[in-house]
Amino acid sequence: MFRFAIACLLLLAGPVMAQFRVEVTGVGMTQMPIVVAPFKGEAAGPQKMAAIVQADLERSGQFKGLDASGSAIDELSRPDWSLWRQRSADALVGGSMTRLADGRYDIRARLWDVVKGQEKGEFRDTVPAGDLRQSAHRLADWVYQQLTGNPGAFATRIAYVTKAGGRYTLWVADSDGEGAQPALASPEPIISPSWSPTGSHLAYVSFESRKPVIYVHEIATGRRRVIANFRGSNSAPAWSPDGRSLVATLSREGGSQLFRVDLASGEARRLTTSAGIDTEPAFSADGTALFFVSDRGGSPQVYRMPAQGGPAERVTFSGSYNISPTLSPDGRWMAYVSRVGGQFRLHIMELASGQVSAITDTSADERPSFAPNSRLIVYATVAQGREALMTTTVDGRIKARLAGQGGDIREPDWGPARP
């Protein structure tokens, strides 16, 4: 029986904890030393902008934050290059947050290249107080792109599920786990949240009808509609890249097979016809292929087939139990969970070469999901005896624990880049 079967996914227990703290561990091969000085005016504001930006950058694995205590720097300052070079800084961020008459905040920041002794750019944003954290994440994305040449993913969102007593809650939170807002609460299990390509909707499976039914939920309004309520089980929804359909596991014709469900008409077209269980579909980055898990060969393995259906080829050969595939948006990687010696660990495969590496040392990893910039992966696990969400860099060197004080936190899915 698959560990990812619905019966196993019902085992969510423990008190809810919507707020997280970020704990970063590990050492990368090369990390840029950066100073993010406390912002002028942030002491009197509702958010500490500099701390949020620094935590984001450290979590990426690309940066090493240096102590900025005692530094008075804003976007108008002229840095003392010799001082910052003595502190081994390669980059410096300074800024200010000013409350305007209408209650909004004017955010300004400047980035300097300490090595070259020159300015790299200026960031500006004006937001209501409730959006200060999002502004800090946007600033971190801007700094990340200026210094690495790649887009950041800090101003994105994650979805996850908790259970408190007999109540399940689907949450939407910032990429660092903070600012969590409930999207749905139910006395029945909620599993398999999946972001739409635009980030405006979440598909998920709810058991409120005493059976697994797939819904699509509009984030902004809370409105939702049933997408798949066929005879038997309806589970494991995955959005097509164009957002017009879902591929899901249905048992309406006997067995558990993959079907493409058109969102406009509600019609379901069968994609697989194996004698085994086919589930956990995931689209390739270009939308031309579907990766999925099947036990058609005797044990759960990852397979790949054309997105419209057709012959399937096996992808995973290392290990006898491989589940939960997820593909990086850049098309380079597949992350999945492999059972090794009775322990479930996150692995990553370079698709071009087929080379596989284990990137965790925990034993109960579940449900990996890539950030939209393909540089980080969020997953659920048990760390130090507690259920937790973690992020890891693709090489496994830097991990950040997004964990509350206790409780069961499961089913993470990383949303797309926000417009």
Protein backbone atom coordinates (compact mmCIF):
# COMPACT_ATOMS: atom_id res chain seq x y z
CA MET A 1 0.00 0.00 0.00
CA PHE A 2 1.37 3.43 -0.93
CA ARG A 3 2.43 5.72 1.87
CA PHE A 4 0.84 8.52 -0.11
CA ALA A 5 -2.56 6.82 -0.12
CA ILE A 6 -5.43 8.86 1.27
CA ALA A 7 -5.75 6.78 4.43
CA CYS A 8 -2.24 7.79 5.44
CA LEU A 9 -2.84 11.45 4.66
CA LEU A 10 -5.65 11.53 7.21
CA LEU A 11 -3.19 11.19 10.08
CA LEU A 12 -2.90 14.91 10.84
CA ALA A 13 -2.87 15.68 14.54
CA GLY A 14 -1.77 18.36 16.98
CA PRO A 15 -2.49 22.01 17.82
CA VAL A 16 -2.55 24.61 15.08
CA MET A 17 0.25 27.14 14.85
CA ALA A 18 -0.13 29.71 12.08
CA GLN A 19 2.93 31.81 12.91
CA PHE A 20 6.45 30.58 12.22
CA ARG A 21 9.98 31.52 13.06
CA VAL A 22 12.83 31.01 10.65
CA GLU A 23 15.91 29.08 11.76
CA VAL A 24 18.64 28.86 9.14
CA THR A 25 21.29 26.13 9.34
CA GLY A 26 24.07 24.86 7.12
CA VAL A 27 26.99 26.31 5.23
CA GLY A 28 27.06 26.92 1.49
CA MET A 29 30.06 26.60 -0.77
CA THR A 30 30.11 30.30 -1.56
CA GLN A 31 28.07 32.90 0.29
CA MET A 32 28.26 36.63 -0.28
CA PRO A 33 28.82 38.54 2.99
CA ILE A 34 26.14 41.24 3.18
CA VAL A 35 25.15 43.88 5.71
CA VAL A 36 21.49 44.90 5.93
CA ALA A 37 21.54 47.85 8.32
CA PRO A 38 18.50 48.68 10.49
CA PHE A 39 16.25 51.04 8.55
CA LYS A 40 15.89 54.62 9.69
CA GLY A 41 12.45 54.92 11.29
CA GLU A 42 11.77 51.19 11.61
CA ALA A 43 12.09 51.22 15.40
CA ALA A 44 8.81 53.16 15.57
CA GLY A 45 7.11 51.10 12.89
CA PRO A 46 5.13 47.84 13.02
CA GLN A 47 7.75 45.80 11.14
CA LYS A 48 11.52 45.51 11.27
CA MET A 49 12.25 45.70 7.56
CA ALA A 50 15.99 45.00 7.74
CA ALA A 51 15.54 41.79 9.75
CA ILE A 52 12.99 40.45 7.26
CA VAL A 53 15.26 41.23 4.30
CA GLN A 54 18.29 39.65 5.95
CA ALA A 55 16.39 36.49 6.92
CA ASP A 56 15.15 36.13 3.33
CA LEU A 57 18.63 36.50 1.89
CA GLU A 58 20.17 34.06 4.37
CA ARG A 59 17.46 31.49 3.69
CA SER A 60 18.35 31.58 -0.01
CA GLY A 61 21.76 30.07 0.74
CA GLN A 62 23.48 32.72 -1.38
CA PHE A 63 24.24 35.22 1.38
CA LYS A 64 25.86 35.40 4.79
CA GLY A 65 24.39 38.17 6.92
CA LEU A 66 26.88 40.25 8.90
CA ASP A 67 26.16 42.07 12.14
CA ALA A 68 24.98 45.62 11.47
CA SER A 69 24.35 46.66 15.08
CA GLY A 70 25.44 50.18 15.88
CA SER A 71 25.30 51.21 12.21
CA ALA A 72 23.31 54.29 11.24
CA ILE A 73 22.82 54.00 7.48
CA ASP A 74 19.97 55.00 5.22
CA GLU A 75 19.58 55.44 1.48
CA LEU A 76 21.18 58.92 1.66
CA SER A 77 24.32 57.82 3.47
CA ARG A 78 27.81 57.81 2.00
CA PRO A 79 29.35 54.56 3.23
CA ASP A 80 32.85 54.41 4.71
CA TRP A 81 34.21 51.75 2.37
CA SER A 82 37.27 50.99 4.48
CA LEU A 83 35.09 50.32 7.53
CA TRP A 84 32.85 47.84 5.71
CA ARG A 85 35.77 46.15 3.99
CA GLN A 86 37.37 45.63 7.40
CA ARG A 87 34.13 43.86 8.40
CA SER A 88 34.50 41.63 5.30
CA ALA A 89 31.29 42.90 3.69
CA ASP A 90 30.85 42.54 -0.06
CA ALA A 91 27.47 44.30 -0.19
CA LEU A 92 25.60 46.82 1.92
CA VAL A 93 21.91 47.70 2.16
CA GLY A 94 20.63 50.80 3.92
CA GLY A 95 17.21 52.41 3.91
CA SER A 96 14.37 54.19 5.62
CA MET A 97 10.67 53.77 6.29
CA THR A 98 8.61 56.92 6.75
CA ARG A 99 4.95 57.07 7.79
CA LEU A 100 2.98 59.33 5.49
CA ALA A 101 -0.01 61.51 6.40
CA ASP A 102 -2.46 58.98 4.96
CA GLY A 103 -1.04 56.18 7.14
CA ARG A 104 0.94 54.49 4.38
CA TYR A 105 4.70 53.98 4.57
CA ASP A 106 7.30 55.25 2.14
CA ILE A 107 10.04 52.63 1.82
CA ARG A 108 13.39 53.58 0.32
CA ALA A 109 16.59 51.56 0.18
CA ARG A 110 19.94 51.64 -1.54
CA LEU A 111 22.32 48.82 -2.40
CA TRP A 112 26.09 49.31 -2.53
CA ASP A 113 28.89 47.12 -3.86
CA VAL A 114 31.48 47.42 -1.07
CA VAL A 115 34.23 45.69 -3.05
CA LYS A 116 33.98 48.17 -5.93
CA GLY A 117 32.98 51.08 -3.72
CA GLN A 118 29.96 52.01 -5.80
CA GLU A 119 26.17 52.15 -5.73
CA LYS A 120 24.22 49.40 -7.48
CA GLY A 121 20.70 50.81 -7.35
CA GLU A 122 17.79 52.25 -5.39
CA PHE A 123 14.52 50.63 -4.32
CA ARG A 124 11.28 52.52 -3.63
CA ASP A 125 7.87 51.33 -2.49
CA THR A 126 4.78 52.89 -0.87
CA VAL A 127 2.48 50.53 1.01
CA PRO A 128 -0.16 50.44 3.76
CA ALA A 129 1.05 49.23 7.15
CA GLY A 130 -0.45 45.80 6.52
CA ASP A 131 1.77 45.30 3.47
CA LEU A 132 5.12 46.17 5.06
CA ARG A 133 6.22 42.54 5.24
CA GLN A 134 5.38 42.09 1.57
CA SER A 135 7.37 45.23 0.76
CA ALA A 136 10.35 43.80 2.66
CA HIS A 137 10.07 40.57 0.65
CA ARG A 138 9.98 42.59 -2.59
CA LEU A 139 13.08 44.46 -1.46
CA ALA A 140 14.83 41.15 -0.73
CA ASP A 141 13.86 39.94 -4.22
CA TRP A 142 15.32 43.13 -5.72
CA VAL A 143 18.59 42.78 -3.78
CA TYR A 144 18.82 39.10 -4.71
CA GLN A 145 18.38 39.84 -8.41
CA GLN A 146 20.81 42.75 -8.36
CA LEU A 147 23.53 40.62 -6.82
CA THR A 148 22.92 37.21 -8.42
CA GLY A 149 21.30 38.06 -11.74
CA ASN A 150 18.44 35.67 -10.94
CA PRO A 151 14.92 36.50 -9.76
CA GLY A 152 14.14 36.05 -6.08
CA ALA A 153 11.12 34.21 -4.69
CA PHE A 154 10.61 35.89 -1.32
CA ALA A 155 7.48 37.87 -2.27
CA THR A 156 5.64 34.63 -3.05
CA ARG A 157 3.27 32.56 -0.94
CA ILE A 158 3.02 29.03 0.38
CA ALA A 159 -0.08 27.00 1.23
CA TYR A 160 -0.18 24.30 3.88
CA VAL A 161 -2.59 22.37 6.10
CA THR A 162 -2.84 22.02 9.87
CA LYS A 163 -5.15 20.21 12.27
CA ALA A 164 -6.23 21.42 15.71
CA GLY A 165 -8.26 18.85 17.58
CA GLY A 166 -10.95 17.86 15.11
CA ARG A 167 -10.58 20.86 12.82
CA TYR A 168 -8.48 21.11 9.67
CA THR A 169 -7.32 24.44 8.27
CA LEU A 170 -5.85 25.39 4.91
CA TRP A 171 -3.50 28.34 5.30
CA VAL A 172 -1.94 30.82 2.90
CA ALA A 173 1.26 32.46 4.19
CA ASP A 174 4.27 34.46 3.07
CA SER A 175 7.22 32.44 1.77
CA ASP A 176 8.84 32.64 5.22
CA GLY A 177 5.70 31.23 6.86
CA GLU A 178 4.65 34.51 8.46
CA GLY A 179 1.40 36.39 7.89
CA ALA A 180 -0.64 33.20 7.62
CA GLN A 181 -4.32 33.63 6.76
CA PRO A 182 -6.91 30.81 6.82
CA ALA A 183 -8.40 30.02 3.41
CA LEU A 184 -10.66 27.21 4.63
CA ALA A 185 -11.50 25.46 7.89
CA SER A 186 -13.35 22.17 8.10
CA PRO A 187 -14.04 19.33 10.55
CA GLU A 188 -13.08 16.94 7.74
CA PRO A 189 -9.57 16.44 6.29
CA ILE A 190 -8.14 18.82 3.69
CA ILE A 191 -5.23 17.54 1.60
CA SER A 192 -3.19 18.19 -1.55
CA PRO A 193 -3.41 21.98 -1.98
CA SER A 194 -2.16 23.04 -5.41
CA TRP A 195 -1.65 26.62 -6.63
CA SER A 196 -3.01 27.73 -10.00
CA PRO A 197 -0.43 29.10 -12.46
CA THR A 198 -1.55 32.68 -11.75
CA GLY A 199 -1.66 32.27 -7.96
CA SER A 200 -5.31 33.36 -7.87
CA HIS A 201 -6.77 29.95 -7.00
CA LEU A 202 -6.00 26.84 -4.98
CA ALA A 203 -7.19 23.37 -5.86
CA TYR A 204 -7.46 20.94 -2.96
CA VAL A 205 -9.16 17.77 -1.79
CA SER A 206 -11.78 17.96 0.95
CA PHE A 207 -13.55 15.09 2.73
CA GLU A 208 -16.52 17.16 3.88
CA SER A 209 -18.82 14.99 1.72
CA ARG A 210 -17.43 11.93 3.52
CA LYS A 211 -15.37 11.10 0.42
CA PRO A 212 -12.48 12.83 -1.36
CA VAL A 213 -13.79 15.62 -3.62
CA ILE A 214 -11.68 18.17 -5.53
CA TYR A 215 -12.51 21.87 -5.15
CA VAL A 216 -11.06 25.03 -6.67
CA HIS A 217 -10.93 27.96 -4.26
CA GLU A 218 -10.59 31.63 -5.27
CA ILE A 219 -8.10 33.23 -2.86
CA ALA A 220 -9.35 36.83 -3.09
CA THR A 221 -13.05 36.12 -2.49
CA GLY A 222 -13.14 32.74 -0.77
CA ARG A 223 -15.58 31.46 -3.38
CA ARG A 224 -15.09 27.87 -4.42
CA ARG A 225 -16.63 25.26 -6.65
CA VAL A 226 -16.58 21.50 -7.01
CA ILE A 227 -14.37 20.34 -9.87
CA ALA A 228 -14.35 16.57 -9.45
CA ASN A 229 -17.02 14.67 -7.52
CA PHE A 230 -17.20 11.51 -9.56
CA ARG A 231 -18.09 8.09 -8.21
CA GLY A 232 -15.32 6.81 -5.95
CA SER A 233 -12.22 8.78 -5.05
CA ASN A 234 -11.13 12.14 -6.50
CA SER A 235 -7.63 13.16 -5.43
CA ALA A 236 -4.15 14.58 -6.18
CA PRO A 237 -5.05 17.60 -8.37
CA ALA A 238 -2.33 19.20 -10.52
CA TRP A 239 -2.90 22.34 -12.61
CA SER A 240 -2.07 22.38 -16.29
CA PRO A 241 0.32 25.23 -17.18
CA ASP A 242 -2.46 27.11 -19.02
CA GLY A 243 -4.77 26.91 -15.99
CA ARG A 244 -7.63 25.45 -18.02
CA SER A 245 -7.64 21.94 -16.63
CA LEU A 246 -6.55 19.74 -13.75
CA VAL A 247 -4.98 16.32 -13.94
CA ALA A 248 -6.17 14.22 -11.01
CA THR A 249 -6.44 10.64 -9.79
CA LEU A 250 -9.98 9.29 -10.15
CA SER A 251 -11.34 5.84 -9.39
CA ARG A 252 -14.69 6.31 -11.15
CA GLU A 253 -13.95 3.51 -13.64
CA GLY A 254 -12.36 1.20 -11.08
CA GLY A 255 -8.78 1.40 -9.89
CA SER A 256 -6.96 4.71 -9.48
CA GLN A 257 -5.97 6.27 -12.80
CA LEU A 258 -5.06 9.72 -14.12
CA PHE A 259 -7.70 11.86 -15.79
CA ARG A 260 -7.59 15.38 -17.25
CA VAL A 261 -10.59 17.38 -15.98
CA ASP A 262 -11.59 20.41 -18.07
CA LEU A 263 -12.46 23.30 -15.73
CA ALA A 264 -15.00 24.87 -18.09
CA SER A 265 -17.03 21.78 -18.97
CA GLY A 266 -16.21 19.49 -16.05
CA GLU A 267 -15.55 16.65 -18.47
CA ALA A 268 -12.89 14.10 -17.49
CA ARG A 269 -10.71 12.29 -20.05
CA ARG A 270 -8.72 9.25 -19.01
CA LEU A 271 -4.95 9.46 -19.53
CA THR A 272 -3.62 6.18 -18.07
CA THR A 273 -4.85 2.61 -18.35
CA SER A 274 -2.47 0.61 -16.17
CA ALA A 275 -3.41 -2.24 -13.86
CA GLY A 276 -1.75 -0.43 -10.95
CA ILE A 277 -2.35 2.77 -9.03
CA ASP A 278 -1.39 5.92 -10.94
CA THR A 279 -1.32 9.11 -8.86
CA GLU A 280 0.55 12.27 -7.82
CA PRO A 281 0.72 13.89 -11.29
CA ALA A 282 3.11 16.80 -11.91
CA PHE A 283 3.59 18.72 -15.16
CA SER A 284 6.99 19.32 -16.68
CA ALA A 285 8.12 22.93 -16.87
CA ASP A 286 7.16 23.24 -20.54
CA GLY A 287 3.84 21.47 -20.07
CA THR A 288 4.56 18.75 -22.62
CA ALA A 289 5.02 15.87 -20.17
CA LEU A 290 3.39 14.48 -17.05
CA PHE A 291 5.40 12.89 -14.28
CA PHE A 292 3.45 10.63 -11.91
CA VAL A 293 3.78 7.77 -9.43
CA SER A 294 2.69 4.25 -10.27
CA ASP A 295 3.12 0.79 -8.79
CA ARG A 296 2.57 -0.86 -12.17
CA GLY A 297 6.04 -2.41 -11.86
CA GLY A 298 5.40 -3.79 -8.39
CA SER A 299 6.53 -0.86 -6.24
CA PRO A 300 5.93 2.91 -6.33
CA GLN A 301 8.18 4.62 -8.90
CA VAL A 302 8.09 7.85 -10.87
CA TYR A 303 7.10 7.63 -14.53
CA ARG A 304 6.83 10.14 -17.36
CA MET A 305 4.42 10.28 -20.30
CA PRO A 306 3.15 12.86 -22.82
CA ALA A 307 0.83 15.39 -21.19
CA GLN A 308 -2.07 14.26 -23.42
CA GLY A 309 -1.53 10.61 -22.50
CA GLY A 310 0.44 7.85 -24.18
CA PRO A 311 3.28 5.43 -23.45
CA ALA A 312 4.94 5.95 -20.06
CA GLU A 313 8.62 5.47 -19.28
CA ARG A 314 10.11 4.89 -15.86
CA VAL A 315 12.20 7.75 -14.46
CA THR A 316 13.41 6.57 -11.04
CA PHE A 317 15.57 3.46 -10.71
CA SER A 318 17.51 4.12 -7.51
CA GLY A 319 15.56 2.65 -4.61
CA SER A 320 12.41 0.55 -4.48
CA TYR A 321 9.98 3.22 -3.24
CA ASN A 322 9.91 6.70 -4.84
CA ILE A 323 6.97 9.10 -4.55
CA SER A 324 5.83 12.75 -4.66
CA PRO A 325 7.61 14.13 -7.75
CA THR A 326 7.80 17.87 -8.31
CA LEU A 327 9.50 19.62 -11.23
CA SER A 328 11.55 22.80 -11.06
CA PRO A 329 10.16 25.69 -13.14
CA ASP A 330 13.48 25.98 -15.00
CA GLY A 331 13.10 22.38 -16.21
CA ARG A 332 16.39 21.23 -14.72
CA TRP A 333 15.43 19.28 -11.59
CA MET A 334 12.96 16.79 -10.21
CA ALA A 335 12.62 16.53 -6.44
CA TYR A 336 10.93 13.53 -4.89
CA VAL A 337 10.79 11.43 -1.72
CA SER A 338 12.59 8.08 -1.58
CA ARG A 339 12.37 5.44 1.12
CA VAL A 340 15.88 4.46 2.13
CA GLY A 341 16.29 1.91 4.92
CA GLY A 342 12.80 2.66 6.20
CA GLN A 343 13.42 6.42 6.20
CA PHE A 344 11.71 8.85 3.82
CA ARG A 345 14.21 11.39 2.53
CA LEU A 346 14.08 14.18 -0.01
CA HIS A 347 16.09 13.46 -3.16
CA ILE A 348 16.80 15.52 -6.25
CA MET A 349 17.46 14.34 -9.79
CA GLU A 350 19.13 16.34 -12.52
CA LEU A 351 16.84 15.46 -15.41
CA ALA A 352 19.44 15.83 -18.16
CA SER A 353 21.89 13.38 -16.61
CA GLY A 354 19.66 11.32 -14.34
CA GLN A 355 22.08 11.91 -11.46
CA VAL A 356 20.39 11.58 -8.06
CA SER A 357 21.39 13.04 -4.68
CA ALA A 358 19.83 12.83 -1.23
CA ILE A 359 19.62 16.38 0.14
CA THR A 360 18.24 15.77 3.64
CA ASP A 361 19.19 13.64 6.63
CA THR A 362 15.70 13.56 8.18
CA SER A 363 13.53 10.45 8.07
CA ALA A 364 9.94 11.57 7.45
CA ASP A 365 10.08 14.00 4.52
CA GLU A 366 6.89 14.65 2.55
CA ARG A 367 5.44 16.70 -0.32
CA PRO A 368 8.34 18.75 -1.79
CA SER A 369 7.52 21.85 -3.86
CA PHE A 370 9.88 24.18 -5.75
CA ALA A 371 10.04 27.93 -5.39
CA PRO A 372 9.21 29.71 -8.67
CA ASN A 373 12.88 30.62 -9.16
CA SER A 374 13.88 26.92 -8.87
CA ARG A 375 16.50 27.72 -6.20
CA LEU A 376 14.64 26.50 -3.07
CA ILE A 377 12.34 23.61 -2.14
CA VAL A 378 9.74 23.59 0.63
CA TYR A 379 8.78 20.25 2.21
CA ALA A 380 7.19 18.81 5.33
CA THR A 381 9.15 16.67 7.75
CA VAL A 382 9.70 15.74 11.37
CA ALA A 383 12.68 17.55 12.88
CA GLN A 384 13.73 17.21 16.52
CA GLY A 385 10.52 15.35 17.25
CA ARG A 386 8.20 18.00 15.82
CA GLU A 387 6.23 18.33 12.60
CA ALA A 388 7.69 21.19 10.62
CA LEU A 389 7.98 22.89 7.28
CA MET A 390 11.50 23.26 5.94
CA THR A 391 13.08 24.94 2.99
CA THR A 392 16.31 23.71 1.47
CA THR A 393 18.59 24.88 -1.27
CA VAL A 394 18.82 22.55 -4.26
CA ASP A 395 22.23 21.32 -3.10
CA GLY A 396 20.89 20.64 0.40
CA ARG A 397 23.52 22.84 2.06
CA ILE A 398 21.26 25.52 3.55
CA LYS A 399 18.03 24.63 5.35
CA ALA A 400 15.53 26.88 7.08
CA ARG A 401 13.00 25.58 9.55
CA LEU A 402 9.63 27.30 9.36
CA ALA A 403 8.28 25.91 12.61
CA GLY A 404 5.80 27.00 15.25
CA GLN A 405 5.84 26.09 18.92
CA GLY A 406 4.16 22.76 18.22
CA GLY A 407 1.53 21.06 16.14
CA ASP A 408 1.16 19.22 12.90
CA ILE A 409 1.96 21.20 9.75
CA ARG A 410 1.66 19.35 6.45
CA GLU A 411 0.97 19.47 2.73
CA PRO A 412 3.02 22.51 1.63
CA ASP A 413 2.80 23.92 -1.88
CA TRP A 414 4.85 26.90 -3.07
CA GLY A 415 2.89 29.44 -5.09
CA PRO A 416 3.99 31.12 -8.33
CA ALA A 417 5.68 34.49 -8.67
CA ARG A 418 3.27 37.31 -7.87
CA PRO A 419 2.56 40.00 -10.48
